[in-house]
Amino acid sequence: MENSEEKEISFTDLDLSPEIMNALRKMGVKRPTTVQQKAIPLLMDNLSLIAKAPTGTGKTFAFSIPMLEYLDMNSKDIQGLVLCPTRELALQITSEIRGLAKYIKGFNTCAVIGGQSMNVQADKLRRNPQIVVATPGRLLDLISRRMIDVGNIYTLVLDEADEMLKMGFIRDIKRIISLTPSDKQMALFSATMPREIQDITWQFMEGAAEIDVMPKAQDHPDIDEFTVSVPEKDKIRMILKIIDTGKFRKGIVFCNTKRQTEKVAGKLEIAGIKCDMLHGSVSQSRRNRVMDAFRKDKFDVLIATDVVARGIDVDDIEIVFNYDIPNENEFYLHRIGRTARAGKSGTAVSLVSFTERSRMEEIVRYTACDPTDLGDGSEITASLFTKKQ
């Protein structure tokens, strides 16, 4: 009974403004995901929130919509602050907030991240953004230079708190929290709740509401997942075969290392595929240029590492390949979630060598995904991929 009730909840039931409703319609978003159904009413009631929720369940809209609904457009203060672990995720969140605020006259938001010019960011901050999305290190740097003031914010969001913990940001986060108003609203989103994250909730979020969201089938993007057993030396050949058979136009190939991305890019270029690559050693300005070219269809295939997996937000990616099976289970979900964006369907293919078989089996158990096993790929036909047409 509970599930059927949840399925019937719409954005209309959440009493949202015409501006937000228009933006959701424009983006083709028809129903709130489970985390949105649970989090939005609590945050709009001015409660703080501790949410245990895996990636790919719609968290950004869950915390962004309430922030946008309660903006004071006459104030020049920063009213909403979102902290997240990586510059790519910060840019992605900023883009999604901007899309949601499309019809809010006078709205402004910006990302505050490492790898960008301080002068450029100072210029953006002078335009009085109502919401700032930041990585902790760069934010503290700007605060110390008196280039940003977070002393009057209304809402503080900690997104992917466990990832920020892994990256050593806990001390920075506590410092930032101490610089914000004591009566602010806080929202913490984390896929896991290690002791250090619980410490933050105990210290700063007494009385907060708590939700624990398990992803439901209707929350997952419409992705056809496949595995192919293929020797390492034949993986490029298999990628070319699948692209040709399925008539895929735009895709991403994920590798585990910088060196592998360079190797794969070279081989695909020799095979006549227009491609480019992103990895941790690529500068932020270069990343921005590559992503801009990818969005504008100046090349067809992006080869990337997990460092940039979460920041690749392109609506028309048709297929994702796992050239290397990811080292961490959750990376699998981050990778395949780059396709089937904005209500579209997509395809994900994992190329599994003999030595990677046990790693792939562990991912299947952990993520509860159910990829179709295509064996050695000899039976691959166009009919496998007809859904995307």
Protein backbone atom coordinates (compact mmCIF):
# COMPACT_ATOMS: atom_id res chain seq x y z
CA MET A 1 0.00 0.00 0.00
CA GLU A 2 2.81 2.42 0.89
CA ASN A 3 4.47 1.92 -2.48
CA SER A 4 1.28 2.59 -4.43
CA GLU A 5 0.70 5.79 -2.44
CA GLU A 6 4.24 6.97 -3.14
CA LYS A 7 3.81 6.34 -6.85
CA GLU A 8 0.80 8.65 -6.93
CA ILE A 9 2.60 11.63 -5.37
CA SER A 10 3.29 14.32 -7.93
CA PHE A 11 5.13 17.64 -7.79
CA THR A 12 1.70 19.29 -7.67
CA ASP A 13 1.09 17.58 -4.32
CA LEU A 14 4.24 19.24 -2.95
CA ASP A 15 2.71 22.73 -3.29
CA LEU A 16 5.49 24.20 -5.43
CA SER A 17 5.51 27.65 -7.02
CA PRO A 18 4.51 28.20 -10.68
CA GLU A 19 8.12 29.11 -11.49
CA ILE A 20 9.48 25.78 -10.24
CA MET A 21 6.61 23.81 -11.82
CA ASN A 22 7.27 25.48 -15.18
CA ALA A 23 10.98 24.63 -14.93
CA LEU A 24 10.23 20.98 -14.11
CA ARG A 25 7.88 20.76 -17.10
CA LYS A 26 10.52 22.35 -19.32
CA MET A 27 13.04 19.70 -18.20
CA GLY A 28 10.55 16.89 -18.77
CA VAL A 29 10.59 15.84 -15.10
CA LYS A 30 7.20 14.27 -14.41
CA ARG A 31 7.29 12.74 -10.93
CA PRO A 32 9.39 13.19 -7.80
CA THR A 33 11.75 10.39 -6.87
CA THR A 34 11.47 8.73 -3.46
CA VAL A 35 14.08 10.98 -1.84
CA GLN A 36 12.36 14.05 -3.28
CA GLN A 37 8.96 12.92 -1.98
CA LYS A 38 10.38 12.49 1.51
CA ALA A 39 12.87 15.37 1.72
CA ILE A 40 11.10 18.29 0.05
CA PRO A 41 8.16 18.55 2.51
CA LEU A 42 10.51 18.33 5.53
CA LEU A 43 12.89 20.99 4.20
CA MET A 44 10.00 23.25 3.20
CA ASP A 45 8.75 22.98 6.79
CA ASN A 46 12.08 24.53 7.84
CA LEU A 47 13.34 21.31 9.44
CA SER A 48 16.97 20.25 9.25
CA LEU A 49 17.44 16.89 7.58
CA ILE A 50 19.81 13.91 7.75
CA ALA A 51 19.29 11.80 4.63
CA LYS A 52 20.95 8.48 3.93
CA ALA A 53 20.48 8.13 0.20
CA PRO A 54 22.58 6.55 -2.55
CA THR A 55 23.71 8.43 -5.60
CA GLY A 56 21.44 8.65 -8.61
CA THR A 57 18.21 9.08 -6.62
CA GLY A 58 17.54 12.75 -7.31
CA LYS A 59 19.16 14.37 -4.28
CA THR A 60 20.05 17.64 -6.02
CA PHE A 61 16.41 18.52 -6.72
CA ALA A 62 15.49 17.35 -3.20
CA PHE A 63 17.58 20.06 -1.54
CA SER A 64 17.52 22.69 -4.32
CA ILE A 65 13.76 23.08 -4.68
CA PRO A 66 13.15 24.07 -1.03
CA MET A 67 16.05 26.54 -1.13
CA LEU A 68 14.65 28.18 -4.25
CA GLU A 69 11.12 28.34 -2.84
CA TYR A 70 12.21 30.45 0.14
CA LEU A 71 14.59 32.94 -1.43
CA ASP A 72 14.34 36.59 -0.48
CA MET A 73 14.95 38.24 -3.85
CA ASN A 74 15.38 41.64 -2.17
CA SER A 75 18.36 40.48 -0.11
CA LYS A 76 21.95 40.75 -1.34
CA ASP A 77 23.16 38.07 1.10
CA ILE A 78 24.10 34.52 0.12
CA GLN A 79 21.08 32.54 1.34
CA GLY A 80 21.91 28.97 0.33
CA LEU A 81 25.31 27.24 0.53
CA VAL A 82 25.95 23.76 -0.89
CA LEU A 83 29.22 21.98 -0.02
CA CYS A 84 30.29 19.00 -2.14
CA PRO A 85 33.51 16.98 -2.60
CA THR A 86 34.58 17.70 -6.20
CA ARG A 87 34.67 20.59 -8.63
CA GLU A 88 32.86 18.53 -11.27
CA LEU A 89 29.98 17.78 -8.92
CA ALA A 90 29.84 21.44 -7.90
CA LEU A 91 29.48 22.49 -11.54
CA GLN A 92 26.82 19.85 -12.12
CA ILE A 93 24.79 20.95 -9.08
CA THR A 94 25.09 24.60 -10.14
CA SER A 95 23.81 23.71 -13.61
CA GLU A 96 20.82 21.83 -12.17
CA ILE A 97 19.94 24.68 -9.78
CA ARG A 98 20.16 27.14 -12.67
CA GLY A 99 17.74 24.97 -14.66
CA LEU A 100 15.28 24.80 -11.77
CA ALA A 101 15.47 28.59 -11.32
CA LYS A 102 15.00 29.34 -15.03
CA TYR A 103 11.79 31.31 -14.41
CA ILE A 104 12.80 33.05 -11.16
CA LYS A 105 13.47 36.63 -12.19
CA GLY A 106 16.75 38.02 -10.89
CA PHE A 107 18.08 34.69 -9.63
CA ASN A 108 21.82 34.10 -9.64
CA THR A 109 24.02 31.19 -8.57
CA CYS A 110 27.68 30.33 -8.97
CA ALA A 111 30.21 27.58 -8.26
CA VAL A 112 33.23 28.29 -6.05
CA ILE A 113 35.85 25.65 -6.88
CA GLY A 114 39.57 25.06 -7.07
CA GLY A 115 41.25 25.25 -10.45
CA GLN A 116 39.45 28.46 -11.44
CA SER A 117 40.83 31.98 -11.33
CA MET A 118 40.22 33.83 -8.06
CA ASN A 119 39.44 36.97 -10.08
CA VAL A 120 36.79 35.18 -12.11
CA GLN A 121 35.16 33.87 -8.95
CA ALA A 122 35.37 37.27 -7.25
CA ASP A 123 33.54 38.74 -10.24
CA LYS A 124 30.78 36.12 -9.93
CA LEU A 125 30.42 36.80 -6.22
CA ARG A 126 30.11 40.54 -6.83
CA ARG A 127 26.89 39.77 -8.72
CA ASN A 128 25.27 38.78 -5.40
CA PRO A 129 24.34 35.12 -5.99
CA GLN A 130 21.52 33.85 -3.79
CA ILE A 131 22.97 30.31 -3.80
CA VAL A 132 26.64 29.30 -3.87
CA VAL A 133 27.89 25.76 -4.56
CA ALA A 134 31.42 25.18 -3.27
CA THR A 135 34.20 22.75 -2.57
CA PRO A 136 35.38 23.24 1.06
CA GLY A 137 39.02 24.18 0.42
CA ARG A 138 38.34 26.94 -2.09
CA LEU A 139 35.46 28.31 0.01
CA LEU A 140 37.69 28.67 3.09
CA ASP A 141 40.35 30.32 0.94
CA LEU A 142 37.83 32.92 -0.27
CA ILE A 143 36.50 33.44 3.26
CA SER A 144 40.03 34.08 4.56
CA ARG A 145 40.50 36.72 1.81
CA ARG A 146 37.17 38.33 2.77
CA MET A 147 35.85 37.70 -0.74
CA ILE A 148 32.78 35.83 0.46
CA ASP A 149 30.56 36.06 3.55
CA VAL A 150 28.51 33.04 4.67
CA GLY A 151 27.45 34.64 7.94
CA ASN A 152 23.83 35.23 6.88
CA ILE A 153 22.94 32.02 5.02
CA TYR A 154 19.56 30.43 5.58
CA THR A 155 20.32 26.86 4.43
CA LEU A 156 23.55 24.82 4.45
CA VAL A 157 23.65 21.58 2.45
CA LEU A 158 26.39 18.96 2.84
CA ASP A 159 26.13 16.78 -0.27
CA GLU A 160 27.93 13.42 -0.49
CA ALA A 161 29.22 13.93 3.04
CA ASP A 162 30.92 10.52 3.13
CA GLU A 163 32.93 11.40 0.00
CA MET A 164 34.03 14.68 1.62
CA LEU A 165 35.14 12.61 4.63
CA LYS A 166 37.18 10.28 2.40
CA MET A 167 38.87 13.29 0.81
CA GLY A 168 39.90 14.72 4.19
CA PHE A 169 37.49 17.66 4.32
CA ILE A 170 35.92 17.01 7.73
CA ARG A 171 37.96 19.66 9.56
CA ASP A 172 37.20 22.20 6.81
CA ILE A 173 33.49 21.38 6.98
CA LYS A 174 33.35 21.91 10.74
CA ARG A 175 35.19 25.22 10.32
CA ILE A 176 32.69 26.36 7.66
CA ILE A 177 29.71 25.32 9.81
CA SER A 178 31.11 27.41 12.68
CA LEU A 179 31.15 30.48 10.41
CA THR A 180 27.44 30.15 9.52
CA PRO A 181 24.44 31.24 11.65
CA SER A 182 23.56 28.95 14.57
CA ASP A 183 19.86 29.01 13.63
CA LYS A 184 20.36 27.99 9.98
CA GLN A 185 18.66 25.02 8.38
CA MET A 186 21.04 22.13 7.59
CA ALA A 187 20.62 19.23 5.19
CA LEU A 188 23.16 16.41 5.12
CA PHE A 189 23.05 13.82 2.32
CA SER A 190 25.29 10.76 2.45
CA ALA A 191 25.25 7.29 0.93
CA THR A 192 26.82 5.86 4.10
CA MET A 193 26.97 7.10 7.69
CA PRO A 194 30.46 6.49 9.11
CA ARG A 195 31.25 7.58 12.66
CA GLU A 196 32.78 10.92 11.65
CA ILE A 197 29.62 11.89 9.72
CA GLN A 198 27.48 10.87 12.69
CA ASP A 199 29.68 13.10 14.86
CA ILE A 200 28.73 16.08 12.67
CA THR A 201 25.02 15.28 12.99
CA TRP A 202 25.32 14.96 16.80
CA GLN A 203 27.34 18.15 17.13
CA PHE A 204 25.49 20.43 14.71
CA MET A 205 22.11 18.86 13.83
CA GLU A 206 20.30 18.07 17.06
CA GLY A 207 16.59 17.54 16.44
CA ALA A 208 16.98 17.05 12.68
CA ALA A 209 14.53 14.82 10.81
CA GLU A 210 16.02 11.61 9.44
CA ILE A 211 15.21 9.62 6.30
CA ASP A 212 16.79 6.46 4.94
CA VAL A 213 16.02 6.05 1.26
CA MET A 214 16.58 2.79 -0.56
CA PRO A 215 16.46 3.32 -4.31
CA LYS A 216 13.28 1.99 -5.94
CA ALA A 217 13.00 0.70 -9.48
CA GLN A 218 11.05 3.77 -10.61
CA ASP A 219 13.84 6.04 -9.33
CA HIS A 220 16.47 4.47 -11.57
CA PRO A 221 17.12 5.82 -15.04
CA ASP A 222 15.99 3.67 -17.96
CA ILE A 223 19.32 1.96 -18.67
CA ASP A 224 19.85 -1.37 -20.46
CA GLU A 225 22.91 -2.94 -18.79
CA PHE A 226 25.09 -5.60 -20.43
CA THR A 227 28.31 -7.47 -19.69
CA VAL A 228 30.61 -8.97 -22.31
CA SER A 229 33.42 -11.40 -21.53
CA VAL A 230 36.37 -10.22 -23.61
CA PRO A 231 40.17 -10.47 -23.34
CA GLU A 232 41.94 -7.22 -22.59
CA LYS A 233 43.52 -7.13 -26.05
CA ASP A 234 40.11 -7.31 -27.77
CA LYS A 235 38.26 -4.60 -25.83
CA ILE A 236 38.74 -1.87 -28.46
CA ARG A 237 37.48 -4.21 -31.16
CA MET A 238 34.39 -4.97 -29.04
CA ILE A 239 33.68 -1.26 -28.47
CA LEU A 240 33.86 -0.63 -32.22
CA LYS A 241 31.59 -3.60 -32.93
CA ILE A 242 28.94 -2.46 -30.44
CA ILE A 243 29.00 1.17 -31.63
CA ASP A 244 28.60 0.01 -35.22
CA THR A 245 25.95 -2.66 -34.52
CA GLY A 246 23.81 -0.41 -32.31
CA LYS A 247 24.39 2.70 -34.44
CA PHE A 248 25.37 4.61 -31.31
CA ARG A 249 26.33 8.21 -32.00
CA LYS A 250 27.55 9.55 -28.67
CA GLY A 251 29.22 7.68 -25.81
CA ILE A 252 31.65 7.61 -22.91
CA VAL A 253 34.38 5.05 -22.24
CA PHE A 254 35.46 4.82 -18.59
CA CYS A 255 38.96 3.69 -17.60
CA ASN A 256 40.58 3.33 -14.19
CA THR A 257 43.82 5.23 -14.86
CA LYS A 258 45.13 8.26 -16.72
CA ARG A 259 47.50 6.06 -18.69
CA GLN A 260 44.68 3.79 -19.82
CA THR A 261 42.56 6.74 -21.02
CA GLU A 262 45.48 7.93 -23.16
CA LYS A 263 46.01 4.46 -24.59
CA VAL A 264 42.32 3.92 -25.37
CA ALA A 265 41.97 7.39 -26.92
CA GLY A 266 44.91 6.71 -29.20
CA LYS A 267 43.52 3.38 -30.38
CA LEU A 268 40.03 4.75 -31.01
CA GLU A 269 41.44 7.66 -32.99
CA ILE A 270 43.41 5.24 -35.17
CA ALA A 271 40.14 3.36 -35.74
CA GLY A 272 38.52 6.57 -37.02
CA ILE A 273 36.50 7.53 -33.93
CA LYS A 274 36.43 11.26 -33.10
CA CYS A 275 37.23 11.38 -29.38
CA ASP A 276 38.82 13.32 -26.53
CA MET A 277 39.73 12.48 -22.92
CA LEU A 278 39.48 13.71 -19.34
CA HIS A 279 41.46 12.58 -16.29
CA GLY A 280 42.81 14.00 -13.05
CA SER A 281 45.84 15.68 -14.63
CA VAL A 282 43.75 17.72 -17.07
CA SER A 283 43.46 21.36 -15.98
CA GLN A 284 40.05 22.82 -15.12
CA SER A 285 40.11 25.18 -18.12
CA ARG A 286 40.93 22.27 -20.43
CA ARG A 287 38.14 20.17 -18.85
CA ASN A 288 35.67 22.98 -19.49
CA ARG A 289 36.75 23.20 -23.15
CA VAL A 290 36.49 19.43 -23.65
CA MET A 291 33.02 19.26 -22.07
CA ASP A 292 31.83 22.23 -24.12
CA ALA A 293 33.03 20.56 -27.32
CA PHE A 294 31.37 17.28 -26.28
CA ARG A 295 28.03 19.00 -25.66
CA LYS A 296 28.29 20.70 -29.06
CA ASP A 297 28.95 17.34 -30.81
CA LYS A 298 32.44 18.29 -31.96
CA PHE A 299 33.54 14.74 -31.14
CA ASP A 300 31.62 11.52 -30.52
CA VAL A 301 33.29 9.58 -27.70
CA LEU A 302 34.71 10.83 -24.41
CA ILE A 303 37.28 8.67 -22.59
CA ALA A 304 37.38 9.47 -18.87
CA THR A 305 38.43 8.32 -15.41
CA ASP A 306 36.26 8.27 -12.28
CA VAL A 307 37.75 11.61 -11.20
CA VAL A 308 35.33 13.31 -13.60
CA ALA A 309 32.49 10.77 -13.68
CA ARG A 310 30.11 12.80 -11.53
CA GLY A 311 30.63 16.06 -13.37
CA ILE A 312 29.70 14.77 -16.82
CA ASP A 313 26.16 16.05 -17.21
CA VAL A 314 25.24 15.78 -20.90
CA ASP A 315 21.67 14.98 -21.92
CA ASP A 316 22.22 12.97 -25.11
CA ILE A 317 24.80 10.32 -24.16
CA GLU A 318 23.48 7.08 -25.64
CA ILE A 319 25.98 4.52 -24.35
CA VAL A 320 28.54 4.13 -21.55
CA PHE A 321 31.34 1.55 -21.70
CA ASN A 322 33.25 0.28 -18.69
CA TYR A 323 36.56 -0.43 -20.44
CA ASP A 324 38.00 -1.20 -17.02
CA ILE A 325 35.71 -2.53 -14.30
CA PRO A 326 35.66 0.15 -11.57
CA ASN A 327 37.69 -0.34 -8.39
CA GLU A 328 34.82 0.71 -6.13
CA ASN A 329 31.27 -0.58 -6.33
CA GLU A 330 29.57 2.83 -6.23
CA PHE A 331 31.68 4.07 -9.14
CA TYR A 332 29.71 1.66 -11.34
CA LEU A 333 26.49 3.57 -10.57
CA HIS A 334 28.18 6.95 -11.10
CA ARG A 335 29.48 5.80 -14.47
CA ILE A 336 26.35 4.27 -15.95
CA GLY A 337 24.30 7.20 -14.63
CA ARG A 338 25.91 9.43 -17.26
CA THR A 339 23.49 7.97 -19.82
CA ALA A 340 19.66 8.05 -19.71
CA ARG A 341 19.66 11.69 -18.57
CA ALA A 342 16.66 14.02 -18.75
CA GLY A 343 14.12 11.23 -19.12
CA LYS A 344 15.88 9.47 -22.01
CA SER A 345 16.83 5.79 -22.13
CA GLY A 346 20.42 4.57 -22.43
CA THR A 347 22.77 1.61 -22.66
CA ALA A 348 25.71 0.55 -20.46
CA VAL A 349 28.20 -2.16 -21.45
CA SER A 350 30.88 -3.55 -19.13
CA LEU A 351 33.82 -5.24 -20.85
CA VAL A 352 34.93 -7.96 -18.44
CA SER A 353 38.29 -9.68 -18.81
CA PHE A 354 39.00 -12.96 -17.02
CA THR A 355 40.84 -11.21 -14.16
CA GLU A 356 37.94 -8.75 -13.69
CA ARG A 357 35.19 -11.36 -13.41
CA SER A 358 35.12 -11.57 -9.61
CA ARG A 359 35.18 -7.75 -9.35
CA MET A 360 32.14 -7.52 -11.64
CA GLU A 361 30.31 -10.18 -9.64
CA GLU A 362 30.86 -8.16 -6.46
CA ILE A 363 29.46 -5.03 -8.16
CA VAL A 364 26.35 -6.95 -9.24
CA ARG A 365 25.77 -8.12 -5.65
CA TYR A 366 26.38 -4.69 -4.15
CA THR A 367 24.31 -2.60 -6.58
CA ALA A 368 21.54 -5.19 -7.11
CA CYS A 369 21.84 -4.44 -10.81
CA ASP A 370 20.97 -7.20 -13.25
CA PRO A 371 23.03 -6.79 -16.42
CA THR A 372 22.35 -9.12 -19.35
CA ASP A 373 25.35 -11.37 -19.99
CA LEU A 374 26.23 -11.32 -23.69
CA GLY A 375 28.88 -14.04 -23.34
CA ASP A 376 31.82 -13.41 -25.65
CA GLY A 377 29.79 -10.95 -27.73
CA SER A 378 29.56 -13.15 -30.78
CA GLU A 379 25.75 -13.03 -30.69
CA ILE A 380 25.50 -9.23 -30.51
CA THR A 381 22.84 -7.97 -32.96
CA ALA A 382 21.16 -4.64 -33.64
CA SER A 383 17.92 -5.93 -32.03
CA LEU A 384 19.64 -5.84 -28.60
CA PHE A 385 19.75 -2.07 -28.80
CA THR A 386 16.45 -1.27 -30.47
CA LYS A 387 14.95 0.35 -27.33
CA LYS A 388 17.17 3.41 -27.67
CA GLN A 389 16.04 4.09 -31.23
